[in-house]
Amino acid sequence: MTEKPSAPVSAAASVPARKPRILIVDDEPILLKFLGKRLESQGYDILTALDGQEGFEKTLKERPDLIISDVMMPRMTGYDLLHKLHKQTDGTEHIPILIMSAKGAMKEFFGDWEIHAFITKPIDPVELIAKIKDLLATAERVRLKKTGKKKT
């Protein structure tokens, strides 16, 4: 009995898609751990930073797909991180940013700074996941539009 040759496996089919990488920047280690575990359970690859300076350095090195940043932090605030990233010309200036703050009034302040979303603390996990999914989907549509590719 002769065996039928098996169909070739395409390289794309054999390589799993990379998990979206999210950088969380906050000076509260407990919040970093809570958000990190929650987002990992949703299938995201998580990076963390304890202040804006560390967040900036990790952004340049790791190229996350999304940044979630607090506002008030030592060394470099979320405001300064956002401002510094917007000055970049290496592609990191286009990474979507979700600002989180205990002060809801900060949303209006950041409205002029081209943030992509804002969430108030304490964070509602359902709202957070919805905003993350929306931001990543929007970023993917923009990327595909720039490269001229269609989503398959």
C-alpha atoms as a PDB file:
ATOM      1  CA  MET A   1       0.000   0.000   0.000  1.00  0.00           C
ATOM      2  CA  THR A   2       1.421   3.384  -0.931  1.00  0.00           C
ATOM      3  CA  GLU A   3       1.107   6.378   1.311  1.00  0.00           C
ATOM      4  CA  LYS A   4      -0.256   9.594  -0.038  1.00  0.00           C
ATOM      5  CA  PRO A   5       2.171  12.461   0.381  1.00  0.00           C
ATOM      6  CA  SER A   6       1.021  14.813   3.071  1.00  0.00           C
ATOM      7  CA  ALA A   7       0.172  18.374   2.183  1.00  0.00           C
ATOM      8  CA  PRO A   8       3.027  20.766   2.804  1.00  0.00           C
ATOM      9  CA  VAL A   9       2.695  22.867   5.920  1.00  0.00           C
ATOM     10  CA  SER A  10       3.143  26.556   5.258  1.00  0.00           C
ATOM     11  CA  ALA A  11       5.645  28.440   7.377  1.00  0.00           C
ATOM     12  CA  ALA A  12       2.942  30.884   8.434  1.00  0.00           C
ATOM     13  CA  ALA A  13       0.722  28.077   9.700  1.00  0.00           C
ATOM     14  CA  SER A  14       3.469  26.514  11.778  1.00  0.00           C
ATOM     15  CA  VAL A  15       4.549  29.716  13.515  1.00  0.00           C
ATOM     16  CA  PRO A  16       2.149  30.863  16.209  1.00  0.00           C
ATOM     17  CA  ALA A  17       1.222  34.541  16.206  1.00  0.00           C
ATOM     18  CA  ARG A  18       3.124  36.635  18.711  1.00  0.00           C
ATOM     19  CA  LYS A  19       1.112  37.666  21.747  1.00  0.00           C
ATOM     20  CA  PRO A  20       0.495  41.419  21.901  1.00  0.00           C
ATOM     21  CA  ARG A  21       3.065  42.990  24.224  1.00  0.00           C
ATOM     22  CA  ILE A  22       1.856  45.576  26.746  1.00  0.00           C
ATOM     23  CA  LEU A  23       4.106  47.803  28.843  1.00  0.00           C
ATOM     24  CA  ILE A  24       2.548  48.905  32.143  1.00  0.00           C
ATOM     25  CA  VAL A  25       4.216  51.942  33.744  1.00  0.00           C
ATOM     26  CA  ASP A  26       3.275  52.712  37.354  1.00  0.00           C
ATOM     27  CA  ASP A  27       5.136  53.374  40.584  1.00  0.00           C
ATOM     28  CA  GLU A  28       2.802  51.102  42.591  1.00  0.00           C
ATOM     29  CA  PRO A  29       4.256  47.547  42.517  1.00  0.00           C
ATOM     30  CA  ILE A  30       0.981  46.036  43.765  1.00  0.00           C
ATOM     31  CA  LEU A  31      -0.947  47.595  40.875  1.00  0.00           C
ATOM     32  CA  LEU A  32       1.714  46.443  38.392  1.00  0.00           C
ATOM     33  CA  LYS A  33       1.391  42.885  39.701  1.00  0.00           C
ATOM     34  CA  PHE A  34      -2.431  42.956  39.692  1.00  0.00           C
ATOM     35  CA  LEU A  35      -2.701  44.387  36.175  1.00  0.00           C
ATOM     36  CA  GLY A  36       0.102  42.168  34.892  1.00  0.00           C
ATOM     37  CA  LYS A  37      -1.553  38.967  36.126  1.00  0.00           C
ATOM     38  CA  ARG A  38      -4.979  40.076  34.863  1.00  0.00           C
ATOM     39  CA  LEU A  39      -3.648  40.884  31.400  1.00  0.00           C
ATOM     40  CA  GLU A  40      -1.466  37.767  31.185  1.00  0.00           C
ATOM     41  CA  SER A  41      -4.590  35.705  31.878  1.00  0.00           C
ATOM     42  CA  GLN A  42      -6.133  37.406  28.832  1.00  0.00           C
ATOM     43  CA  GLY A  43      -3.243  36.300  26.599  1.00  0.00           C
ATOM     44  CA  TYR A  44      -1.005  39.366  26.641  1.00  0.00           C
ATOM     45  CA  ASP A  45       2.770  39.449  27.090  1.00  0.00           C
ATOM     46  CA  ILE A  46       3.464  41.921  29.914  1.00  0.00           C
ATOM     47  CA  LEU A  47       6.400  44.235  30.574  1.00  0.00           C
ATOM     48  CA  THR A  48       6.506  46.564  33.580  1.00  0.00           C
ATOM     49  CA  ALA A  49       8.313  49.728  34.595  1.00  0.00           C
ATOM     50  CA  LEU A  50       8.244  51.617  37.905  1.00  0.00           C
ATOM     51  CA  ASP A  51       8.522  55.129  36.442  1.00  0.00           C
ATOM     52  CA  GLY A  52       8.428  57.038  33.177  1.00  0.00           C
ATOM     53  CA  GLN A  53      12.196  56.912  32.641  1.00  0.00           C
ATOM     54  CA  GLU A  54      12.282  53.130  32.930  1.00  0.00           C
ATOM     55  CA  GLY A  55       9.163  52.993  30.751  1.00  0.00           C
ATOM     56  CA  PHE A  56      10.850  55.102  28.063  1.00  0.00           C
ATOM     57  CA  GLU A  57      13.958  52.910  28.077  1.00  0.00           C
ATOM     58  CA  LYS A  58      11.889  49.699  27.875  1.00  0.00           C
ATOM     59  CA  THR A  59       9.809  51.163  25.057  1.00  0.00           C
ATOM     60  CA  LEU A  60      12.922  51.817  22.971  1.00  0.00           C
ATOM     61  CA  LYS A  61      14.342  48.363  23.712  1.00  0.00           C
ATOM     62  CA  GLU A  62      11.245  46.134  23.704  1.00  0.00           C
ATOM     63  CA  ARG A  63       8.861  47.917  21.276  1.00  0.00           C
ATOM     64  CA  PRO A  64       5.568  47.119  23.044  1.00  0.00           C
ATOM     65  CA  ASP A  65       2.317  47.118  21.089  1.00  0.00           C
ATOM     66  CA  LEU A  66       0.616  49.250  23.749  1.00  0.00           C
ATOM     67  CA  ILE A  67       1.667  51.341  26.748  1.00  0.00           C
ATOM     68  CA  ILE A  68      -0.481  51.772  29.861  1.00  0.00           C
ATOM     69  CA  SER A  69       0.924  54.575  31.992  1.00  0.00           C
ATOM     70  CA  ASP A  70       0.116  56.278  35.252  1.00  0.00           C
ATOM     71  CA  VAL A  71       0.557  60.049  35.405  1.00  0.00           C
ATOM     72  CA  MET A  72       2.194  60.865  38.740  1.00  0.00           C
ATOM     73  CA  MET A  73       5.476  58.950  39.130  1.00  0.00           C
ATOM     74  CA  PRO A  74       9.026  59.717  40.292  1.00  0.00           C
ATOM     75  CA  ARG A  75      11.922  60.447  37.890  1.00  0.00           C
ATOM     76  CA  MET A  76       9.641  60.954  34.887  1.00  0.00           C
ATOM     77  CA  THR A  77       5.880  61.478  34.934  1.00  0.00           C
ATOM     78  CA  GLY A  78       3.440  59.879  32.516  1.00  0.00           C
ATOM     79  CA  TYR A  79       3.021  63.325  30.958  1.00  0.00           C
ATOM     80  CA  ASP A  80       6.784  63.566  30.325  1.00  0.00           C
ATOM     81  CA  LEU A  81       6.891  60.000  28.999  1.00  0.00           C
ATOM     82  CA  LEU A  82       4.124  60.764  26.519  1.00  0.00           C
ATOM     83  CA  HIS A  83       5.798  64.004  25.460  1.00  0.00           C
ATOM     84  CA  LYS A  84       9.186  62.295  24.997  1.00  0.00           C
ATOM     85  CA  LEU A  85       7.700  59.422  22.980  1.00  0.00           C
ATOM     86  CA  HIS A  86       5.883  61.820  20.668  1.00  0.00           C
ATOM     87  CA  LYS A  87       9.267  63.381  19.787  1.00  0.00           C
ATOM     88  CA  GLN A  88      10.698  60.034  18.647  1.00  0.00           C
ATOM     89  CA  THR A  89      11.092  59.228  14.952  1.00  0.00           C
ATOM     90  CA  ASP A  90      11.864  55.513  15.245  1.00  0.00           C
ATOM     91  CA  GLY A  91       8.269  54.239  15.201  1.00  0.00           C
ATOM     92  CA  THR A  92       7.760  54.347  18.957  1.00  0.00           C
ATOM     93  CA  GLU A  93       5.917  57.646  18.556  1.00  0.00           C
ATOM     94  CA  HIS A  94       3.007  55.664  17.072  1.00  0.00           C
ATOM     95  CA  ILE A  95       2.578  53.185  19.936  1.00  0.00           C
ATOM     96  CA  PRO A  96      -0.920  53.593  21.405  1.00  0.00           C
ATOM     97  CA  ILE A  97      -0.961  54.935  24.952  1.00  0.00           C
ATOM     98  CA  LEU A  98      -3.616  54.384  27.598  1.00  0.00           C
ATOM     99  CA  ILE A  99      -3.255  56.882  30.443  1.00  0.00           C
ATOM    100  CA  MET A 100      -4.549  55.891  33.872  1.00  0.00           C
ATOM    101  CA  SER A 101      -5.046  58.284  36.743  1.00  0.00           C
ATOM    102  CA  ALA A 102      -6.967  58.577  39.985  1.00  0.00           C
ATOM    103  CA  LYS A 103      -7.797  62.133  38.910  1.00  0.00           C
ATOM    104  CA  GLY A 104     -10.571  62.056  36.326  1.00  0.00           C
ATOM    105  CA  ALA A 105      -9.923  65.715  35.464  1.00  0.00           C
ATOM    106  CA  MET A 106      -6.602  64.626  33.918  1.00  0.00           C
ATOM    107  CA  LYS A 107      -8.564  63.237  30.961  1.00  0.00           C
ATOM    108  CA  GLU A 108      -9.289  66.752  29.711  1.00  0.00           C
ATOM    109  CA  PHE A 109      -5.657  67.796  30.246  1.00  0.00           C
ATOM    110  CA  PHE A 110      -4.366  64.853  28.215  1.00  0.00           C
ATOM    111  CA  GLY A 111      -6.995  65.356  25.517  1.00  0.00           C
ATOM    112  CA  ASP A 112      -4.646  67.821  23.820  1.00  0.00           C
ATOM    113  CA  TRP A 113      -1.741  65.366  23.908  1.00  0.00           C
ATOM    114  CA  GLU A 114      -3.021  62.751  21.463  1.00  0.00           C
ATOM    115  CA  ILE A 115      -3.411  59.955  23.949  1.00  0.00           C
ATOM    116  CA  HIS A 116      -5.417  57.132  22.604  1.00  0.00           C
ATOM    117  CA  ALA A 117      -7.475  56.385  25.717  1.00  0.00           C
ATOM    118  CA  PHE A 118      -7.888  57.318  29.353  1.00  0.00           C
ATOM    119  CA  ILE A 119      -9.069  55.271  32.330  1.00  0.00           C
ATOM    120  CA  THR A 120      -9.595  56.336  35.923  1.00  0.00           C
ATOM    121  CA  LYS A 121      -8.369  54.505  39.005  1.00  0.00           C
ATOM    122  CA  PRO A 122      -9.622  52.379  40.615  1.00  0.00           C
ATOM    123  CA  ILE A 123      -9.572  50.458  37.352  1.00  0.00           C
ATOM    124  CA  ASP A 124     -12.548  48.449  36.197  1.00  0.00           C
ATOM    125  CA  PRO A 125     -10.950  45.303  34.663  1.00  0.00           C
ATOM    126  CA  VAL A 126     -13.768  44.875  32.123  1.00  0.00           C
ATOM    127  CA  GLU A 127     -13.380  48.469  30.920  1.00  0.00           C
ATOM    128  CA  LEU A 128      -9.592  48.065  30.799  1.00  0.00           C
ATOM    129  CA  ILE A 129      -9.747  44.920  28.641  1.00  0.00           C
ATOM    130  CA  ALA A 130     -12.270  46.571  26.300  1.00  0.00           C
ATOM    131  CA  LYS A 131     -10.044  49.644  25.855  1.00  0.00           C
ATOM    132  CA  ILE A 132      -6.966  47.492  25.262  1.00  0.00           C
ATOM    133  CA  LYS A 133      -8.717  45.396  22.598  1.00  0.00           C
ATOM    134  CA  ASP A 134      -9.990  48.540  20.891  1.00  0.00           C
ATOM    135  CA  LEU A 135      -6.585  50.244  20.925  1.00  0.00           C
ATOM    136  CA  LEU A 136      -4.764  47.186  19.594  1.00  0.00           C
ATOM    137  CA  ALA A 137      -7.356  46.674  16.837  1.00  0.00           C
ATOM    138  CA  THR A 138      -7.129  50.324  15.811  1.00  0.00           C
ATOM    139  CA  ALA A 139      -3.316  50.210  15.806  1.00  0.00           C
ATOM    140  CA  GLU A 140      -3.406  47.074  13.632  1.00  0.00           C
ATOM    141  CA  ARG A 141      -5.785  48.719  11.126  1.00  0.00           C
ATOM    142  CA  VAL A 142      -3.488  51.754  10.904  1.00  0.00           C
ATOM    143  CA  ARG A 143      -0.427  49.538  10.459  1.00  0.00           C
ATOM    144  CA  LEU A 144      -2.084  47.518   7.698  1.00  0.00           C
ATOM    145  CA  LYS A 145      -3.244  50.674   5.979  1.00  0.00           C
ATOM    146  CA  LYS A 146       0.300  52.084   6.016  1.00  0.00           C
ATOM    147  CA  THR A 147       1.793  48.884   4.629  1.00  0.00           C
ATOM    148  CA  GLY A 148      -0.981  48.417   2.075  1.00  0.00           C
ATOM    149  CA  LYS A 149      -1.801  44.930   3.361  1.00  0.00           C
ATOM    150  CA  LYS A 150      -5.213  43.513   4.115  1.00  0.00           C
ATOM    151  CA  LYS A 151      -6.022  41.485   7.204  1.00  0.00           C
ATOM    152  CA  THR A 152      -6.530  37.838   6.307  1.00  0.00           C
END
